[in-house]
Amino acid sequence: MLKIGIVAEYNPFHNGHLYQIRKIREIFGKDVFIAVVGSGDFVQRGEISFLDKWEKTQVNLECGVNLVAELPLYYSIQNAEIFSKMATRILDYLGMDIQVFGAEEENIEVLQKVLDLQKRQDYKDKLMGYMKKGNSYSTSQRLALKEYELDGIVKSNNILALEYMREIEKSNLGIKPFIVKREISEYNEEKVEKEREEFASASFLRNELEKILEEFCGDKNLKSKKLILEKLEKIQKFVPEKSFEIILENLEFKIKNGINFQKLKEEIFKIVKYKILTEKKEKIMEIYDINCEIY
């Protein structure tokens, strides 16, 4: 049996994710085994996942995934390089034959060309030159690639795809990369045209859900349930039925208990602030990725 691996956050699971799973079975056969390595309650960049890891797992299994493995927190909140590297290693460790990922660039040879270019000293010199001018790493990467007419590659999913492929090559892993082109929606889009029928990004969906939370938070008896459902109609067409059911249950729980993301972030920041104010500098400097400038 062919074993296919996916790295995903599913925050939340939408029709684009379902499209990818169905496309895998269309390309490789209905009897393939699909495993997902996904972030749990905290996702990349340290954001709180809208659905918890158990809810996400339930949706995955209902929508055609055979196995769900958690990408440990230590790796799930890291930059693209570490996030991708460790997720791909886990898929390889699980014995997956192929890693399928969505990317804006459908030609894997173009991504390979970028990987090969990034090994060259002339590219590294250009990248460092732009960074020394005060540009961020991402901007410097785009500017350096522009000199090779490849700046269009610097998009969210392409960046992750490059890191997956880099790790497979660097660590000589047995797993093989395969692209299913990302369709219609952009990774971090926040607005969607009214005529859009099926696909929207997870960023757009989260924004809409957080607006509902802010508006109705604290309605303990859910007197506004009809209004909430009307608001949810805006996103319902973009998510599978099972995903929508779990989103609704999650939303009702948060509204009843007065939970919103701004409050959660404020509570977490209190803990961070306490730690900073009560620990000595030497101890804080031991935290991963902390340097003098950040301190």
Protein backbone atom coordinates (compact mmCIF):
# COMPACT_ATOMS: atom_id res chain seq x y z
CA MET A 1 0.00 0.00 0.00
CA LEU A 2 1.34 3.44 -0.97
CA LYS A 3 1.75 5.72 2.05
CA ILE A 4 1.25 9.47 1.58
CA GLY A 5 2.23 12.12 4.13
CA ILE A 6 0.93 15.67 4.56
CA VAL A 7 2.12 18.48 6.83
CA ALA A 8 -0.75 20.77 7.81
CA GLU A 9 -2.13 23.09 10.46
CA TYR A 10 -5.83 22.75 9.50
CA ASN A 11 -6.67 25.93 11.37
CA PRO A 12 -9.48 25.35 10.50
CA PHE A 13 -9.94 22.47 8.02
CA HIS A 14 -11.57 23.84 4.85
CA ASN A 15 -12.54 22.77 1.33
CA GLY A 16 -9.02 23.42 0.04
CA HIS A 17 -7.70 20.80 2.46
CA LEU A 18 -10.44 18.37 1.42
CA TYR A 19 -9.57 19.06 -2.24
CA GLN A 20 -5.96 18.06 -1.55
CA ILE A 21 -6.97 14.77 0.13
CA ARG A 22 -9.36 13.91 -2.71
CA LYS A 23 -6.73 14.85 -5.29
CA ILE A 24 -4.24 12.48 -3.62
CA ARG A 25 -6.70 9.58 -3.95
CA GLU A 26 -7.46 10.61 -7.53
CA ILE A 27 -3.75 10.63 -8.48
CA PHE A 28 -2.41 7.73 -6.41
CA GLY A 29 -5.48 5.52 -6.00
CA LYS A 30 -8.33 5.21 -3.51
CA ASP A 31 -6.57 2.64 -1.33
CA VAL A 32 -3.60 4.86 -0.38
CA PHE A 33 -2.81 5.39 3.31
CA ILE A 34 -2.78 9.10 4.26
CA ALA A 35 -0.99 10.35 7.37
CA VAL A 36 -0.94 13.96 8.57
CA VAL A 37 1.67 15.58 10.79
CA GLY A 38 0.04 18.69 12.19
CA SER A 39 0.54 21.37 14.81
CA GLY A 40 -1.56 21.03 17.94
CA ASP A 41 -3.01 23.79 20.12
CA PHE A 42 -0.40 26.33 19.02
CA VAL A 43 0.49 26.87 15.37
CA GLN A 44 3.35 28.49 13.46
CA ARG A 45 4.29 31.99 14.66
CA GLY A 46 2.96 31.03 18.13
CA GLU A 47 -0.70 31.75 17.36
CA ILE A 48 -3.41 29.91 19.31
CA SER A 49 -5.19 27.37 17.12
CA PHE A 50 -8.91 28.17 16.73
CA LEU A 51 -9.82 24.48 17.13
CA ASP A 52 -7.89 22.39 19.65
CA LYS A 53 -5.81 19.42 18.54
CA TRP A 54 -8.51 16.87 19.41
CA GLU A 55 -11.15 18.72 17.39
CA LYS A 56 -8.75 19.01 14.46
CA THR A 57 -7.97 15.31 14.67
CA GLN A 58 -11.67 14.44 14.63
CA VAL A 59 -12.22 16.50 11.47
CA ASN A 60 -9.15 14.94 9.80
CA LEU A 61 -10.36 11.39 10.42
CA GLU A 62 -13.89 12.23 9.26
CA CYS A 63 -12.54 13.76 6.04
CA GLY A 64 -10.40 10.89 4.78
CA VAL A 65 -7.15 10.95 6.77
CA ASN A 66 -6.03 7.59 8.22
CA LEU A 67 -3.50 8.72 10.83
CA VAL A 68 -2.82 12.01 12.64
CA ALA A 69 0.49 12.69 14.42
CA GLU A 70 1.20 15.85 16.38
CA LEU A 71 4.14 18.04 15.46
CA PRO A 72 5.52 18.78 18.97
CA LEU A 73 4.95 22.31 20.26
CA TYR A 74 8.68 23.04 20.30
CA TYR A 75 8.72 22.66 16.50
CA SER A 76 5.21 23.83 15.60
CA ILE A 77 5.81 27.42 16.73
CA GLN A 78 9.19 27.81 15.00
CA ASN A 79 10.17 29.49 11.75
CA ALA A 80 9.49 27.83 8.38
CA GLU A 81 12.87 26.10 8.29
CA ILE A 82 12.54 24.28 11.63
CA PHE A 83 8.77 23.70 11.27
CA SER A 84 9.24 22.08 7.85
CA LYS A 85 12.41 20.17 8.67
CA MET A 86 11.01 18.42 11.74
CA ALA A 87 7.58 17.72 10.20
CA THR A 88 9.22 16.10 7.15
CA ARG A 89 11.52 14.04 9.39
CA ILE A 90 8.50 12.74 11.30
CA LEU A 91 6.75 11.73 8.05
CA ASP A 92 9.92 9.94 6.95
CA TYR A 93 10.22 8.24 10.36
CA LEU A 94 6.60 7.06 10.00
CA GLY A 95 7.60 5.33 6.77
CA MET A 96 5.72 7.51 4.30
CA ASP A 97 6.64 6.99 0.64
CA ILE A 98 5.61 10.43 -0.64
CA GLN A 99 5.14 13.85 0.95
CA VAL A 100 2.40 15.82 -0.79
CA PHE A 101 2.26 19.57 -0.25
CA GLY A 102 0.38 22.49 -1.71
CA ALA A 103 2.40 25.21 -3.41
CA GLU A 104 1.71 28.21 -5.60
CA GLU A 105 4.34 26.89 -8.06
CA GLU A 106 3.18 23.58 -9.57
CA ASN A 107 6.46 22.74 -11.34
CA ILE A 108 8.72 20.98 -8.84
CA GLU A 109 11.69 21.52 -11.19
CA VAL A 110 11.37 25.30 -10.72
CA LEU A 111 11.56 24.85 -6.94
CA GLN A 112 14.57 22.56 -7.39
CA LYS A 113 16.21 25.28 -9.49
CA VAL A 114 15.76 27.72 -6.58
CA LEU A 115 17.23 25.20 -4.12
CA ASP A 116 20.28 24.70 -6.34
CA LEU A 117 20.68 28.46 -6.76
CA GLN A 118 20.56 29.04 -2.98
CA LYS A 119 23.65 26.83 -2.58
CA ARG A 120 25.73 29.11 -4.80
CA GLN A 121 28.09 31.67 -3.29
CA ASP A 122 26.97 34.47 -5.64
CA TYR A 123 23.38 34.06 -4.38
CA LYS A 124 24.51 33.98 -0.73
CA ASP A 125 26.53 37.17 -1.26
CA LYS A 126 23.54 38.96 -2.78
CA LEU A 127 21.28 37.78 0.07
CA MET A 128 23.70 39.00 2.73
CA GLY A 129 24.13 42.29 0.88
CA TYR A 130 20.39 43.00 1.06
CA MET A 131 20.19 41.94 4.72
CA LYS A 132 23.07 44.27 5.64
CA LYS A 133 21.02 47.10 4.17
CA GLY A 134 18.38 46.45 6.84
CA ASN A 135 15.94 44.30 4.88
CA SER A 136 14.23 41.33 6.54
CA TYR A 137 15.30 37.83 5.53
CA SER A 138 12.12 37.33 3.49
CA THR A 139 12.50 40.66 1.66
CA SER A 140 16.21 40.02 1.07
CA GLN A 141 15.39 36.61 -0.35
CA ARG A 142 12.86 38.13 -2.72
CA LEU A 143 15.28 40.85 -3.84
CA ALA A 144 18.13 38.38 -4.36
CA LEU A 145 15.91 36.00 -6.37
CA LYS A 146 14.66 38.94 -8.44
CA GLU A 147 18.17 39.24 -9.88
CA TYR A 148 17.68 35.72 -11.25
CA GLU A 149 14.07 36.44 -12.36
CA LEU A 150 12.72 34.12 -9.66
CA ASP A 151 11.24 36.60 -7.16
CA GLY A 152 7.71 35.31 -7.82
CA ILE A 153 8.66 32.16 -5.92
CA VAL A 154 8.68 33.92 -2.54
CA LYS A 155 5.14 33.02 -1.46
CA SER A 156 4.04 31.34 1.77
CA ASN A 157 3.44 27.80 0.50
CA ASN A 158 6.42 27.87 -1.88
CA ILE A 159 8.68 28.80 1.04
CA LEU A 160 7.43 25.79 3.04
CA ALA A 161 7.74 23.57 -0.05
CA LEU A 162 11.37 24.63 -0.52
CA GLU A 163 12.12 23.79 3.12
CA TYR A 164 10.48 20.34 2.82
CA MET A 165 12.55 19.61 -0.30
CA ARG A 166 15.73 21.02 1.27
CA GLU A 167 15.41 18.69 4.25
CA ILE A 168 14.69 15.63 2.09
CA GLU A 169 17.81 16.38 0.05
CA LYS A 170 20.06 17.44 2.94
CA SER A 171 19.25 14.46 5.19
CA ASN A 172 18.98 12.00 2.29
CA LEU A 173 15.49 10.93 3.42
CA GLY A 174 13.60 8.12 1.72
CA ILE A 175 10.40 10.13 1.30
CA LYS A 176 9.76 11.77 -2.12
CA PRO A 177 8.24 15.25 -2.67
CA PHE A 178 5.10 15.83 -4.76
CA ILE A 179 3.13 19.05 -5.41
CA VAL A 180 -0.63 19.45 -5.61
CA LYS A 181 -0.99 23.02 -6.84
CA ARG A 182 -2.76 25.42 -4.47
CA GLU A 183 -5.95 26.59 -6.17
CA ILE A 184 -7.77 29.95 -6.14
CA SER A 185 -7.27 31.19 -2.55
CA GLU A 186 -4.08 32.84 -1.29
CA TYR A 187 -2.52 31.54 1.94
CA ASN A 188 -3.09 34.68 4.01
CA GLU A 189 -5.94 36.40 2.20
CA GLU A 190 -8.30 38.33 4.48
CA LYS A 191 -11.02 39.24 1.98
CA VAL A 192 -12.97 37.00 -0.39
CA GLU A 193 -15.10 38.09 -3.34
CA LYS A 194 -18.84 37.49 -2.87
CA GLU A 195 -19.00 35.27 -5.95
CA ARG A 196 -16.31 32.90 -4.60
CA GLU A 197 -18.13 29.58 -4.37
CA GLU A 198 -15.90 26.95 -2.78
CA PHE A 199 -12.41 27.96 -1.63
CA ALA A 200 -11.19 30.48 0.93
CA SER A 201 -8.03 30.62 3.01
CA ALA A 202 -7.82 29.59 6.66
CA SER A 203 -6.75 33.19 7.44
CA PHE A 204 -10.04 34.54 6.06
CA LEU A 205 -12.06 31.92 7.97
CA ARG A 206 -10.27 32.62 11.26
CA ASN A 207 -10.79 36.37 10.87
CA GLU A 208 -14.52 35.86 10.36
CA LEU A 209 -14.78 33.51 13.35
CA GLU A 210 -12.86 35.91 15.59
CA LYS A 211 -15.21 38.76 14.59
CA ILE A 212 -18.18 36.62 15.67
CA LEU A 213 -16.46 35.83 18.99
CA GLU A 214 -15.81 39.51 19.68
CA GLU A 215 -19.40 40.45 18.86
CA PHE A 216 -21.21 37.76 20.87
CA CYS A 217 -18.69 36.81 23.57
CA GLY A 218 -20.39 36.35 26.96
CA ASP A 219 -23.87 35.45 25.67
CA LYS A 220 -24.19 32.60 28.20
CA ASN A 221 -27.62 31.42 27.10
CA LEU A 222 -26.85 31.83 23.38
CA LYS A 223 -29.87 34.12 22.93
CA SER A 224 -28.16 35.36 19.77
CA LYS A 225 -27.82 31.87 18.23
CA LYS A 226 -29.93 32.80 15.19
CA LEU A 227 -27.74 35.86 14.54
CA ILE A 228 -24.58 33.78 15.03
CA LEU A 229 -25.79 31.22 12.47
CA GLU A 230 -26.57 34.03 10.02
CA LYS A 231 -23.02 35.34 10.44
CA LEU A 232 -21.62 31.82 9.96
CA GLU A 233 -23.38 31.50 6.60
CA LYS A 234 -20.57 33.65 5.22
CA ILE A 235 -18.06 30.85 5.82
CA GLN A 236 -20.22 27.71 5.70
CA LYS A 237 -19.78 27.14 1.97
CA PHE A 238 -15.99 27.12 2.38
CA VAL A 239 -15.75 24.21 4.86
CA PRO A 240 -16.84 20.55 4.78
CA GLU A 241 -19.97 19.67 6.76
CA LYS A 242 -18.11 17.88 9.58
CA SER A 243 -15.67 20.74 9.95
CA PHE A 244 -18.57 23.21 10.16
CA GLU A 245 -20.30 21.14 12.88
CA ILE A 246 -17.18 21.15 15.04
CA ILE A 247 -16.50 24.85 14.40
CA LEU A 248 -20.07 25.64 15.53
CA GLU A 249 -19.71 23.56 18.72
CA ASN A 250 -16.37 25.22 19.47
CA LEU A 251 -17.77 28.69 18.83
CA GLU A 252 -20.79 28.10 21.08
CA PHE A 253 -18.52 26.91 23.91
CA LYS A 254 -16.26 29.96 23.60
CA ILE A 255 -19.19 32.41 23.45
CA LYS A 256 -20.93 30.83 26.48
CA ASN A 257 -17.71 30.92 28.52
CA GLY A 258 -16.67 34.40 27.49
CA ILE A 259 -13.51 33.22 25.72
CA ASN A 260 -12.01 35.32 22.95
CA PHE A 261 -8.52 35.39 21.50
CA GLN A 262 -7.66 38.88 22.70
CA LYS A 263 -8.34 37.79 26.31
CA LEU A 264 -6.33 34.61 25.85
CA LYS A 265 -3.37 36.54 24.47
CA GLU A 266 -3.55 39.01 27.36
CA GLU A 267 -3.51 36.17 29.91
CA ILE A 268 -0.56 34.49 28.19
CA PHE A 269 1.30 37.81 28.08
CA LYS A 270 0.88 38.18 31.86
CA ILE A 271 2.82 34.92 32.29
CA VAL A 272 5.52 36.07 29.85
CA LYS A 273 5.78 39.45 31.59
CA TYR A 274 6.03 37.78 35.02
CA LYS A 275 8.83 35.54 33.74
CA ILE A 276 10.77 38.49 32.28
CA LEU A 277 10.43 40.58 35.44
CA THR A 278 11.37 37.81 37.90
CA GLU A 279 14.21 36.03 36.07
CA LYS A 280 17.80 37.21 35.79
CA LYS A 281 19.10 38.18 32.37
CA GLU A 282 21.41 35.14 32.21
CA LYS A 283 18.44 32.80 32.66
CA ILE A 284 16.34 34.54 30.01
CA MET A 285 19.28 34.45 27.59
CA GLU A 286 19.17 30.64 27.80
CA ILE A 287 15.74 30.63 26.10
CA TYR A 288 15.95 29.45 22.50
CA ASP A 289 16.28 32.28 19.94
CA ILE A 290 16.73 35.01 22.57
CA ASN A 291 19.68 37.31 21.92
CA CYS A 292 20.86 40.59 23.46
CA GLU A 293 18.85 42.71 21.02
CA ILE A 294 15.59 40.87 21.76
CA TYR A 295 16.32 40.95 25.50
